Amino acid sequence: MRLVTYATPDGPRSGAVVDGGRLLDLGAGPLDGVLADAAALARARDAVAAADAASLPPLDAATLLAPVRPGKILCLGYNYRGHVPDGVDPTAGDPEWPDVFVKTPNTLAGPNEPVVIPPGATDVDYEGEVAVVIGRCAQRIAIEDALDHVAGYTILNDVSDRAWQRRQSQWALGKCSDGFAPLGPWIVTTDDIPDPQDLLVEVVRDGVVTVSQSTSTSIFSVAYVIHHLSQVLTLEPGDVVSTGTPQKLSAAQAVHRPLGAGDAVTVRISGIGELTTRFVAAPLDAAPTSANQEAHA
């Protein structure tokens, strides 16, 4: 089941995608409450099964918001193994622990919002990632129980300003410009993705595939990451854990060019869908405002 949050004049509403292109309304408010309520999810599934798609409005006419309003956006650094020569142990360079950082709430953006390149930014980059959405509180849980606390999966573009990132040992200022976490377009519930370690992550920049790698090559599985994080902090419904990006293909690394106004990046993940982000220049006389944040307010 694919679930969305969309904007209306009266505030955000929850919805489900029917037959790939129709929108079924599920009631007022964002998805956070639905995901945390097993009975509400069951009612949503029943409604989708009974829906007459022909009578529903088209999904592309709706203004989609980020599907959840996470209290926390937790992200992973290096979490995919690169190519190694034959005969070399691919796990030899694995870190002992996940490298975790935070993206702050101001970074959240809806799936169709453009990302504003901050004035003076010289090396803005993209990272296409599988994002895990928490459905049940997780506090010091066992690894074998971790996936039971997941509501579903979506896509996050971990936009970064590499110049700011290189200026300090901590990454916050390079990761947390306004709108630097486009999320969506929907959440795919776990019943439709039984194995998050069997998804193909691809990124297309201006028509060229720059990333293509399976989550089977990730160092830390989704289950391990949820278990690991829950030992330190409580994960709550609606929280997002973004699982890192594969390395760019060699040809893309060789011709690296910072993102600029007019560029577009599409992250596509098998079983989830596509998230396309367009980049625009900052206005000269006004600070950027997130339509997603306003609609969720």
C-alpha atoms as a PDB file:
ATOM      1  CA  MET A   1       0.000   0.000   0.000  1.00  0.00           C
ATOM      2  CA  ARG A   2       1.250   3.473  -0.918  1.00  0.00           C
ATOM      3  CA  LEU A   3       0.315   6.256   1.472  1.00  0.00           C
ATOM      4  CA  VAL A   4       0.640  10.011   0.988  1.00  0.00           C
ATOM      5  CA  THR A   5       0.068  13.298   2.766  1.00  0.00           C
ATOM      6  CA  TYR A   6      -1.366  16.057   0.599  1.00  0.00           C
ATOM      7  CA  ALA A   7      -2.255  19.717   1.020  1.00  0.00           C
ATOM      8  CA  THR A   8      -5.768  21.155   1.010  1.00  0.00           C
ATOM      9  CA  PRO A   9      -7.068  24.641   1.889  1.00  0.00           C
ATOM     10  CA  ASP A  10      -8.181  23.210   5.230  1.00  0.00           C
ATOM     11  CA  GLY A  11      -4.831  21.627   6.061  1.00  0.00           C
ATOM     12  CA  PRO A  12      -2.976  18.388   5.325  1.00  0.00           C
ATOM     13  CA  ARG A  13      -4.855  15.158   4.715  1.00  0.00           C
ATOM     14  CA  SER A  14      -3.829  11.526   4.474  1.00  0.00           C
ATOM     15  CA  GLY A  15      -4.413   9.495   1.357  1.00  0.00           C
ATOM     16  CA  ALA A  16      -3.677   6.245  -0.402  1.00  0.00           C
ATOM     17  CA  VAL A  17      -2.671   5.639  -3.990  1.00  0.00           C
ATOM     18  CA  VAL A  18      -5.125   3.459  -5.908  1.00  0.00           C
ATOM     19  CA  ASP A  19      -4.302   1.754  -9.218  1.00  0.00           C
ATOM     20  CA  GLY A  20      -1.055   3.697  -9.457  1.00  0.00           C
ATOM     21  CA  GLY A  21      -2.580   7.050 -10.306  1.00  0.00           C
ATOM     22  CA  ARG A  22      -5.686   7.810  -8.234  1.00  0.00           C
ATOM     23  CA  LEU A  23      -5.965   9.392  -4.795  1.00  0.00           C
ATOM     24  CA  LEU A  24      -8.174   7.944  -2.076  1.00  0.00           C
ATOM     25  CA  ASP A  25      -8.733  10.302   0.853  1.00  0.00           C
ATOM     26  CA  LEU A  26      -8.131   8.764   4.288  1.00  0.00           C
ATOM     27  CA  GLY A  27      -9.048  11.720   6.471  1.00  0.00           C
ATOM     28  CA  ALA A  28      -7.714  14.901   7.994  1.00  0.00           C
ATOM     29  CA  GLY A  29      -4.153  15.180   9.198  1.00  0.00           C
ATOM     30  CA  PRO A  30      -0.829  13.778   8.041  1.00  0.00           C
ATOM     31  CA  LEU A  31       0.061  10.109   8.020  1.00  0.00           C
ATOM     32  CA  ASP A  32       1.869  10.051  11.342  1.00  0.00           C
ATOM     33  CA  GLY A  33      -1.207   8.949  13.292  1.00  0.00           C
ATOM     34  CA  VAL A  34      -2.277   6.371  10.714  1.00  0.00           C
ATOM     35  CA  LEU A  35       1.128   4.682  10.705  1.00  0.00           C
ATOM     36  CA  ALA A  36       1.123   4.329  14.482  1.00  0.00           C
ATOM     37  CA  ASP A  37      -2.347   2.735  14.605  1.00  0.00           C
ATOM     38  CA  ALA A  38      -2.675  -0.859  13.394  1.00  0.00           C
ATOM     39  CA  ALA A  39      -6.456  -0.548  13.223  1.00  0.00           C
ATOM     40  CA  ALA A  40      -6.208   2.620  11.110  1.00  0.00           C
ATOM     41  CA  LEU A  41      -3.813   0.870   8.732  1.00  0.00           C
ATOM     42  CA  ALA A  42      -6.193  -2.078   8.443  1.00  0.00           C
ATOM     43  CA  ARG A  43      -9.079   0.279   7.647  1.00  0.00           C
ATOM     44  CA  ALA A  44      -6.943   1.976   5.012  1.00  0.00           C
ATOM     45  CA  ARG A  45      -6.149  -1.356   3.361  1.00  0.00           C
ATOM     46  CA  ASP A  46      -9.848  -2.273   3.326  1.00  0.00           C
ATOM     47  CA  ALA A  47     -10.717   1.119   1.816  1.00  0.00           C
ATOM     48  CA  VAL A  48      -8.110   0.715  -0.920  1.00  0.00           C
ATOM     49  CA  ALA A  49      -9.393  -2.773  -1.745  1.00  0.00           C
ATOM     50  CA  ALA A  50     -12.981  -1.518  -1.993  1.00  0.00           C
ATOM     51  CA  ALA A  51     -12.250   1.723  -3.865  1.00  0.00           C
ATOM     52  CA  ASP A  52     -13.633   2.454  -7.319  1.00  0.00           C
ATOM     53  CA  ALA A  53     -10.557   3.947  -8.974  1.00  0.00           C
ATOM     54  CA  ALA A  54     -12.519   5.521 -11.818  1.00  0.00           C
ATOM     55  CA  SER A  55     -14.437   7.709  -9.355  1.00  0.00           C
ATOM     56  CA  LEU A  56     -11.323   9.038  -7.604  1.00  0.00           C
ATOM     57  CA  PRO A  57      -9.387  12.209  -8.458  1.00  0.00           C
ATOM     58  CA  PRO A  58      -6.007  11.861 -10.170  1.00  0.00           C
ATOM     59  CA  LEU A  59      -3.009  11.769  -7.873  1.00  0.00           C
ATOM     60  CA  ASP A  60      -1.015  14.159 -10.054  1.00  0.00           C
ATOM     61  CA  ALA A  61      -3.567  16.904  -9.391  1.00  0.00           C
ATOM     62  CA  ALA A  62      -2.775  16.849  -5.659  1.00  0.00           C
ATOM     63  CA  THR A  63      -0.052  18.844  -3.934  1.00  0.00           C
ATOM     64  CA  LEU A  64       1.930  16.147  -2.187  1.00  0.00           C
ATOM     65  CA  LEU A  65       3.695  17.026   1.048  1.00  0.00           C
ATOM     66  CA  ALA A  66       6.443  15.090   2.754  1.00  0.00           C
ATOM     67  CA  PRO A  67       4.506  11.987   3.810  1.00  0.00           C
ATOM     68  CA  VAL A  68       5.390  12.340   7.515  1.00  0.00           C
ATOM     69  CA  ARG A  69       6.574  15.055   9.883  1.00  0.00           C
ATOM     70  CA  PRO A  70       9.468  13.296  11.584  1.00  0.00           C
ATOM     71  CA  GLY A  71      10.504  14.349  15.033  1.00  0.00           C
ATOM     72  CA  LYS A  72      13.947  13.048  14.096  1.00  0.00           C
ATOM     73  CA  ILE A  73      15.704  12.558  10.766  1.00  0.00           C
ATOM     74  CA  LEU A  74      18.660  10.255  11.398  1.00  0.00           C
ATOM     75  CA  CYS A  75      21.049   9.513   8.554  1.00  0.00           C
ATOM     76  CA  LEU A  76      23.954   7.204   7.869  1.00  0.00           C
ATOM     77  CA  GLY A  77      27.272   8.062   6.309  1.00  0.00           C
ATOM     78  CA  TYR A  78      29.324   5.348   4.635  1.00  0.00           C
ATOM     79  CA  ASN A  79      27.025   2.296   4.490  1.00  0.00           C
ATOM     80  CA  TYR A  80      27.635   0.624   1.103  1.00  0.00           C
ATOM     81  CA  ARG A  81      30.583  -1.455   0.047  1.00  0.00           C
ATOM     82  CA  GLY A  82      32.352  -0.351  -3.100  1.00  0.00           C
ATOM     83  CA  HIS A  83      33.763  -2.556  -5.820  1.00  0.00           C
ATOM     84  CA  VAL A  84      36.776  -4.646  -4.814  1.00  0.00           C
ATOM     85  CA  PRO A  85      39.061  -6.792  -7.033  1.00  0.00           C
ATOM     86  CA  ASP A  86      38.471 -10.531  -7.260  1.00  0.00           C
ATOM     87  CA  GLY A  87      39.935 -12.396  -4.326  1.00  0.00           C
ATOM     88  CA  VAL A  88      39.722  -9.436  -1.940  1.00  0.00           C
ATOM     89  CA  ASP A  89      37.433  -9.705   1.086  1.00  0.00           C
ATOM     90  CA  PRO A  90      34.677  -7.108   0.428  1.00  0.00           C
ATOM     91  CA  THR A  91      34.097  -6.726   4.175  1.00  0.00           C
ATOM     92  CA  ALA A  92      37.729  -5.938   5.007  1.00  0.00           C
ATOM     93  CA  GLY A  93      37.172  -2.176   5.133  1.00  0.00           C
ATOM     94  CA  ASP A  94      33.834  -2.249   6.961  1.00  0.00           C
ATOM     95  CA  PRO A  95      33.512   0.161   9.896  1.00  0.00           C
ATOM     96  CA  GLU A  96      32.638  -1.361  13.251  1.00  0.00           C
ATOM     97  CA  TRP A  97      29.670   0.963  13.850  1.00  0.00           C
ATOM     98  CA  PRO A  98      27.289   2.994  11.694  1.00  0.00           C
ATOM     99  CA  ASP A  99      28.303   6.624  11.148  1.00  0.00           C
ATOM    100  CA  VAL A 100      25.168   8.500  12.233  1.00  0.00           C
ATOM    101  CA  PHE A 101      24.323  12.164  11.757  1.00  0.00           C
ATOM    102  CA  VAL A 102      21.180  14.290  12.051  1.00  0.00           C
ATOM    103  CA  LYS A 103      19.294  16.461   9.599  1.00  0.00           C
ATOM    104  CA  THR A 104      17.293  19.155  11.382  1.00  0.00           C
ATOM    105  CA  PRO A 105      13.533  19.790  10.849  1.00  0.00           C
ATOM    106  CA  ASN A 106      14.120  22.796   8.569  1.00  0.00           C
ATOM    107  CA  THR A 107      15.595  20.455   5.954  1.00  0.00           C
ATOM    108  CA  LEU A 108      12.308  18.627   5.329  1.00  0.00           C
ATOM    109  CA  ALA A 109      10.797  19.263   1.896  1.00  0.00           C
ATOM    110  CA  GLY A 110       7.918  17.807  -0.055  1.00  0.00           C
ATOM    111  CA  PRO A 111       8.515  15.553  -3.061  1.00  0.00           C
ATOM    112  CA  ASN A 112       7.781  18.240  -5.638  1.00  0.00           C
ATOM    113  CA  GLU A 113       9.369  21.220  -3.931  1.00  0.00           C
ATOM    114  CA  PRO A 114      12.456  22.667  -5.602  1.00  0.00           C
ATOM    115  CA  VAL A 115      15.600  22.833  -3.509  1.00  0.00           C
ATOM    116  CA  VAL A 116      16.972  26.347  -3.207  1.00  0.00           C
ATOM    117  CA  ILE A 117      20.738  26.515  -3.541  1.00  0.00           C
ATOM    118  CA  PRO A 118      21.925  28.790  -0.724  1.00  0.00           C
ATOM    119  CA  PRO A 119      23.764  31.972  -1.680  1.00  0.00           C
ATOM    120  CA  GLY A 120      27.467  31.330  -1.767  1.00  0.00           C
ATOM    121  CA  ALA A 121      27.132  27.537  -1.905  1.00  0.00           C
ATOM    122  CA  THR A 122      29.876  26.196  -4.144  1.00  0.00           C
ATOM    123  CA  ASP A 123      29.628  22.400  -3.945  1.00  0.00           C
ATOM    124  CA  VAL A 124      26.028  21.205  -3.520  1.00  0.00           C
ATOM    125  CA  ASP A 125      25.656  17.460  -4.052  1.00  0.00           C
ATOM    126  CA  TYR A 126      22.942  14.778  -3.914  1.00  0.00           C
ATOM    127  CA  GLU A 127      22.601  11.366  -2.261  1.00  0.00           C
ATOM    128  CA  GLY A 128      19.716   9.044  -3.103  1.00  0.00           C
ATOM    129  CA  GLU A 129      18.708   6.860  -0.169  1.00  0.00           C
ATOM    130  CA  VAL A 130      16.158   4.351   1.110  1.00  0.00           C
ATOM    131  CA  ALA A 131      14.446   6.024   4.062  1.00  0.00           C
ATOM    132  CA  VAL A 132      12.843   3.943   6.800  1.00  0.00           C
ATOM    133  CA  VAL A 133       9.708   5.300   8.489  1.00  0.00           C
ATOM    134  CA  ILE A 134       9.130   4.188  12.071  1.00  0.00           C
ATOM    135  CA  GLY A 135       5.651   2.927  12.934  1.00  0.00           C
ATOM    136  CA  ARG A 136       6.025   1.764  16.563  1.00  0.00           C
ATOM    137  CA  CYS A 137       8.132   3.167  19.385  1.00  0.00           C
ATOM    138  CA  ALA A 138      11.485   1.417  19.483  1.00  0.00           C
ATOM    139  CA  GLN A 139      13.563   1.581  22.649  1.00  0.00           C
ATOM    140  CA  ARG A 140      16.436  -0.853  23.228  1.00  0.00           C
ATOM    141  CA  ILE A 141      14.921  -3.465  20.954  1.00  0.00           C
ATOM    142  CA  ALA A 142      16.520  -6.713  19.800  1.00  0.00           C
ATOM    143  CA  ILE A 143      17.718  -6.932  16.212  1.00  0.00           C
ATOM    144  CA  GLU A 144      15.311  -9.789  15.469  1.00  0.00           C
ATOM    145  CA  ASP A 145      12.382  -7.549  16.450  1.00  0.00           C
ATOM    146  CA  ALA A 146      13.569  -4.396  14.695  1.00  0.00           C
ATOM    147  CA  LEU A 147      11.584  -4.676  11.461  1.00  0.00           C
ATOM    148  CA  ASP A 148       8.373  -5.044  13.473  1.00  0.00           C
ATOM    149  CA  HIS A 149       8.816  -1.375  14.397  1.00  0.00           C
ATOM    150  CA  VAL A 150       8.976  -0.196  10.777  1.00  0.00           C
ATOM    151  CA  ALA A 151       5.848   1.207   9.125  1.00  0.00           C
ATOM    152  CA  GLY A 152       7.265   1.441   5.624  1.00  0.00           C
ATOM    153  CA  TYR A 153       9.827   2.876   3.264  1.00  0.00           C
ATOM    154  CA  THR A 154      10.204   6.012   1.214  1.00  0.00           C
ATOM    155  CA  ILE A 155      12.943   7.964  -0.593  1.00  0.00           C
ATOM    156  CA  LEU A 156      15.154  10.721   0.759  1.00  0.00           C
ATOM    157  CA  ASN A 157      17.565  12.888  -1.204  1.00  0.00           C
ATOM    158  CA  ASP A 158      20.273  13.777   1.311  1.00  0.00           C
ATOM    159  CA  VAL A 159      21.287  17.051  -0.303  1.00  0.00           C
ATOM    160  CA  SER A 160      24.630  18.292   1.019  1.00  0.00           C
ATOM    161  CA  ASP A 161      26.857  21.322   0.715  1.00  0.00           C
ATOM    162  CA  ARG A 162      30.271  19.643   0.523  1.00  0.00           C
ATOM    163  CA  ALA A 163      32.145  22.905   0.995  1.00  0.00           C
ATOM    164  CA  TRP A 164      30.520  23.505   4.380  1.00  0.00           C
ATOM    165  CA  GLN A 165      30.873  19.807   5.212  1.00  0.00           C
ATOM    166  CA  ARG A 166      34.643  19.969   4.692  1.00  0.00           C
ATOM    167  CA  ARG A 167      35.033  22.994   6.963  1.00  0.00           C
ATOM    168  CA  GLN A 168      34.485  21.072  10.190  1.00  0.00           C
ATOM    169  CA  SER A 169      34.684  17.642  11.743  1.00  0.00           C
ATOM    170  CA  GLN A 170      30.920  17.622  12.373  1.00  0.00           C
ATOM    171  CA  TRP A 171      28.666  17.602   9.293  1.00  0.00           C
ATOM    172  CA  ALA A 172      25.671  19.623  10.511  1.00  0.00           C
ATOM    173  CA  LEU A 173      26.256  22.834   8.565  1.00  0.00           C
ATOM    174  CA  GLY A 174      26.887  20.907   5.370  1.00  0.00           C
ATOM    175  CA  LYS A 175      23.720  18.843   5.743  1.00  0.00           C
ATOM    176  CA  CYS A 176      21.136  21.196   7.219  1.00  0.00           C
ATOM    177  CA  SER A 177      20.402  24.034   4.832  1.00  0.00           C
ATOM    178  CA  ASP A 178      16.698  24.747   4.408  1.00  0.00           C
ATOM    179  CA  GLY A 179      14.991  22.169   2.217  1.00  0.00           C
ATOM    180  CA  PHE A 180      17.982  19.814   2.020  1.00  0.00           C
ATOM    181  CA  ALA A 181      15.888  16.688   2.728  1.00  0.00           C
ATOM    182  CA  PRO A 182      13.252  16.140   0.019  1.00  0.00           C
ATOM    183  CA  LEU A 183      11.169  13.143   1.126  1.00  0.00           C
ATOM    184  CA  GLY A 184       8.557  11.036  -0.641  1.00  0.00           C
ATOM    185  CA  PRO A 185       6.577  10.867  -2.775  1.00  0.00           C
ATOM    186  CA  TRP A 186       4.819   8.266  -0.625  1.00  0.00           C
ATOM    187  CA  ILE A 187       5.398   5.577   1.962  1.00  0.00           C
ATOM    188  CA  VAL A 188       5.250   1.977   0.813  1.00  0.00           C
ATOM    189  CA  THR A 189       4.098  -0.192   3.718  1.00  0.00           C
ATOM    190  CA  THR A 190       6.179  -3.153   4.808  1.00  0.00           C
ATOM    191  CA  ASP A 191       3.748  -5.750   3.471  1.00  0.00           C
ATOM    192  CA  ASP A 192       4.764  -4.633  -0.027  1.00  0.00           C
ATOM    193  CA  ILE A 193       8.512  -4.657   0.766  1.00  0.00           C
ATOM    194  CA  PRO A 194       9.231  -7.849   2.697  1.00  0.00           C
ATOM    195  CA  ASP A 195      13.017  -7.535   2.329  1.00  0.00           C
ATOM    196  CA  PRO A 196      14.594  -4.063   2.444  1.00  0.00           C
ATOM    197  CA  GLN A 197      17.972  -5.668   1.688  1.00  0.00           C
ATOM    198  CA  ASP A 198      16.865  -6.522  -1.850  1.00  0.00           C
ATOM    199  CA  LEU A 199      16.187  -3.139  -3.463  1.00  0.00           C
ATOM    200  CA  LEU A 200      17.976  -1.482  -6.367  1.00  0.00           C
ATOM    201  CA  VAL A 201      18.958   2.133  -5.678  1.00  0.00           C
ATOM    202  CA  GLU A 202      19.583   4.267  -8.748  1.00  0.00           C
ATOM    203  CA  VAL A 203      20.145   7.976  -9.250  1.00  0.00           C
ATOM    204  CA  VAL A 204      19.720   9.793 -12.563  1.00  0.00           C
ATOM    205  CA  ARG A 205      21.165  13.264 -13.003  1.00  0.00           C
ATOM    206  CA  ASP A 206      20.115  15.155 -16.102  1.00  0.00           C
ATOM    207  CA  GLY A 207      19.334  11.888 -17.892  1.00  0.00           C
ATOM    208  CA  VAL A 208      22.519  10.026 -16.926  1.00  0.00           C
ATOM    209  CA  VAL A 209      22.583   7.146 -14.398  1.00  0.00           C
ATOM    210  CA  THR A 210      25.188   8.090 -11.786  1.00  0.00           C
ATOM    211  CA  VAL A 211      24.389   5.521  -9.067  1.00  0.00           C
ATOM    212  CA  SER A 212      23.210   1.924  -9.414  1.00  0.00           C
ATOM    213  CA  GLN A 213      23.630  -0.531  -6.553  1.00  0.00           C
ATOM    214  CA  SER A 214      21.577  -2.984  -4.516  1.00  0.00           C
ATOM    215  CA  THR A 215      20.822  -2.578  -0.827  1.00  0.00           C
ATOM    216  CA  SER A 216      22.180  -6.124  -0.515  1.00  0.00           C
ATOM    217  CA  THR A 217      25.634  -4.514  -0.569  1.00  0.00           C
ATOM    218  CA  SER A 218      24.960  -2.276   2.431  1.00  0.00           C
ATOM    219  CA  ILE A 219      27.211  -2.789   5.426  1.00  0.00           C
ATOM    220  CA  PHE A 220      24.550  -2.383   8.112  1.00  0.00           C
ATOM    221  CA  SER A 221      21.091  -3.808   7.447  1.00  0.00           C
ATOM    222  CA  VAL A 222      17.905  -1.898   8.183  1.00  0.00           C
ATOM    223  CA  ALA A 223      17.217  -4.244  11.096  1.00  0.00           C
ATOM    224  CA  TYR A 224      20.656  -3.664  12.580  1.00  0.00           C
ATOM    225  CA  VAL A 225      20.443   0.111  12.185  1.00  0.00           C
ATOM    226  CA  ILE A 226      17.046   0.321  13.921  1.00  0.00           C
ATOM    227  CA  HIS A 227      18.305  -1.942  16.711  1.00  0.00           C
ATOM    228  CA  HIS A 228      21.528   0.071  17.055  1.00  0.00           C
ATOM    229  CA  LEU A 229      19.853   3.481  17.200  1.00  0.00           C
ATOM    230  CA  SER A 230      17.255   2.287  19.696  1.00  0.00           C
ATOM    231  CA  GLN A 231      19.964   1.498  22.228  1.00  0.00           C
ATOM    232  CA  VAL A 232      20.654   5.230  22.539  1.00  0.00           C
ATOM    233  CA  LEU A 233      17.387   7.024  21.817  1.00  0.00           C
ATOM    234  CA  THR A 234      13.737   6.166  21.453  1.00  0.00           C
ATOM    235  CA  LEU A 235      12.546   5.999  17.863  1.00  0.00           C
ATOM    236  CA  GLU A 236       8.971   7.226  17.604  1.00  0.00           C
ATOM    237  CA  PRO A 237       6.219   6.868  14.973  1.00  0.00           C
ATOM    238  CA  GLY A 238       6.949   9.102  12.014  1.00  0.00           C
ATOM    239  CA  ASP A 239      10.703   9.289  12.655  1.00  0.00           C
ATOM    240  CA  VAL A 240      12.823   8.781   9.548  1.00  0.00           C
ATOM    241  CA  VAL A 241      16.054   6.814   9.334  1.00  0.00           C
ATOM    242  CA  SER A 242      17.858   7.310   6.033  1.00  0.00           C
ATOM    243  CA  THR A 243      20.164   4.409   5.280  1.00  0.00           C
ATOM    244  CA  GLY A 244      22.993   5.973   3.280  1.00  0.00           C
ATOM    245  CA  THR A 245      23.806   6.178  -0.404  1.00  0.00           C
ATOM    246  CA  PRO A 246      25.888   3.940  -2.658  1.00  0.00           C
ATOM    247  CA  GLN A 247      28.999   5.419  -4.219  1.00  0.00           C
ATOM    248  CA  LYS A 248      28.623   7.144  -7.560  1.00  0.00           C
ATOM    249  CA  LEU A 249      29.668   5.145 -10.586  1.00  0.00           C
ATOM    250  CA  SER A 250      33.265   5.717 -11.657  1.00  0.00           C
ATOM    251  CA  ALA A 251      32.279   7.697 -14.752  1.00  0.00           C
ATOM    252  CA  ALA A 252      30.114  10.025 -12.653  1.00  0.00           C
ATOM    253  CA  GLN A 253      32.866  10.543 -10.086  1.00  0.00           C
ATOM    254  CA  ALA A 254      35.304  11.440 -12.837  1.00  0.00           C
ATOM    255  CA  VAL A 255      33.136  14.305 -14.083  1.00  0.00           C
ATOM    256  CA  HIS A 256      31.751  15.545 -10.759  1.00  0.00           C
ATOM    257  CA  ARG A 257      30.042  18.904 -11.122  1.00  0.00           C
ATOM    258  CA  PRO A 258      28.320  20.707  -8.242  1.00  0.00           C
ATOM    259  CA  LEU A 259      24.576  21.093  -8.595  1.00  0.00           C
ATOM    260  CA  GLY A 260      23.355  24.382  -9.975  1.00  0.00           C
ATOM    261  CA  ALA A 261      20.106  26.127 -10.772  1.00  0.00           C
ATOM    262  CA  GLY A 262      18.213  24.202 -13.443  1.00  0.00           C
ATOM    263  CA  ASP A 263      19.662  20.806 -12.561  1.00  0.00           C
ATOM    264  CA  ALA A 264      17.397  17.853 -11.752  1.00  0.00           C
ATOM    265  CA  VAL A 265      18.085  14.614  -9.893  1.00  0.00           C
ATOM    266  CA  THR A 266      15.822  11.554  -9.838  1.00  0.00           C
ATOM    267  CA  VAL A 267      16.225   8.872  -7.205  1.00  0.00           C
ATOM    268  CA  ARG A 268      14.494   5.647  -8.165  1.00  0.00           C
ATOM    269  CA  ILE A 269      14.282   2.623  -5.896  1.00  0.00           C
ATOM    270  CA  SER A 270      12.731  -0.673  -6.922  1.00  0.00           C
ATOM    271  CA  GLY A 271       9.535  -1.391  -5.052  1.00  0.00           C
ATOM    272  CA  ILE A 272       9.208   2.219  -3.874  1.00  0.00           C
ATOM    273  CA  GLY A 273       9.191   4.521  -6.900  1.00  0.00           C
ATOM    274  CA  GLU A 274      10.855   7.777  -7.918  1.00  0.00           C
ATOM    275  CA  LEU A 275      11.630  11.108  -6.290  1.00  0.00           C
ATOM    276  CA  THR A 276      12.687  13.919  -8.617  1.00  0.00           C
ATOM    277  CA  THR A 277      14.269  17.029  -7.142  1.00  0.00           C
ATOM    278  CA  ARG A 278      14.845  20.234  -9.093  1.00  0.00           C
ATOM    279  CA  PHE A 279      17.344  22.841  -7.993  1.00  0.00           C
ATOM    280  CA  VAL A 280      16.807  26.592  -8.222  1.00  0.00           C
ATOM    281  CA  ALA A 281      18.770  29.715  -7.372  1.00  0.00           C
ATOM    282  CA  ALA A 282      18.060  31.584  -4.158  1.00  0.00           C
ATOM    283  CA  PRO A 283      15.890  34.687  -4.565  1.00  0.00           C
ATOM    284  CA  LEU A 284      17.830  37.920  -4.286  1.00  0.00           C
ATOM    285  CA  ASP A 285      15.486  39.717  -1.917  1.00  0.00           C
ATOM    286  CA  ALA A 286      13.792  37.085   0.235  1.00  0.00           C
ATOM    287  CA  ALA A 287      14.665  34.066   2.347  1.00  0.00           C
ATOM    288  CA  PRO A 288      13.359  30.740   0.971  1.00  0.00           C
ATOM    289  CA  THR A 289      10.192  29.389   2.535  1.00  0.00           C
ATOM    290  CA  SER A 290       9.210  25.724   2.539  1.00  0.00           C
ATOM    291  CA  ALA A 291       5.662  25.219   1.310  1.00  0.00           C
ATOM    292  CA  ASN A 292       5.803  21.822   2.966  1.00  0.00           C
ATOM    293  CA  GLN A 293       6.589  23.313   6.371  1.00  0.00           C
ATOM    294  CA  GLU A 294       3.826  25.921   5.992  1.00  0.00           C
ATOM    295  CA  ALA A 295       1.259  23.308   4.999  1.00  0.00           C
ATOM    296  CA  HIS A 296       2.187  21.102   7.955  1.00  0.00           C
ATOM    297  CA  ALA A 297       2.096  23.990  10.440  1.00  0.00           C
END
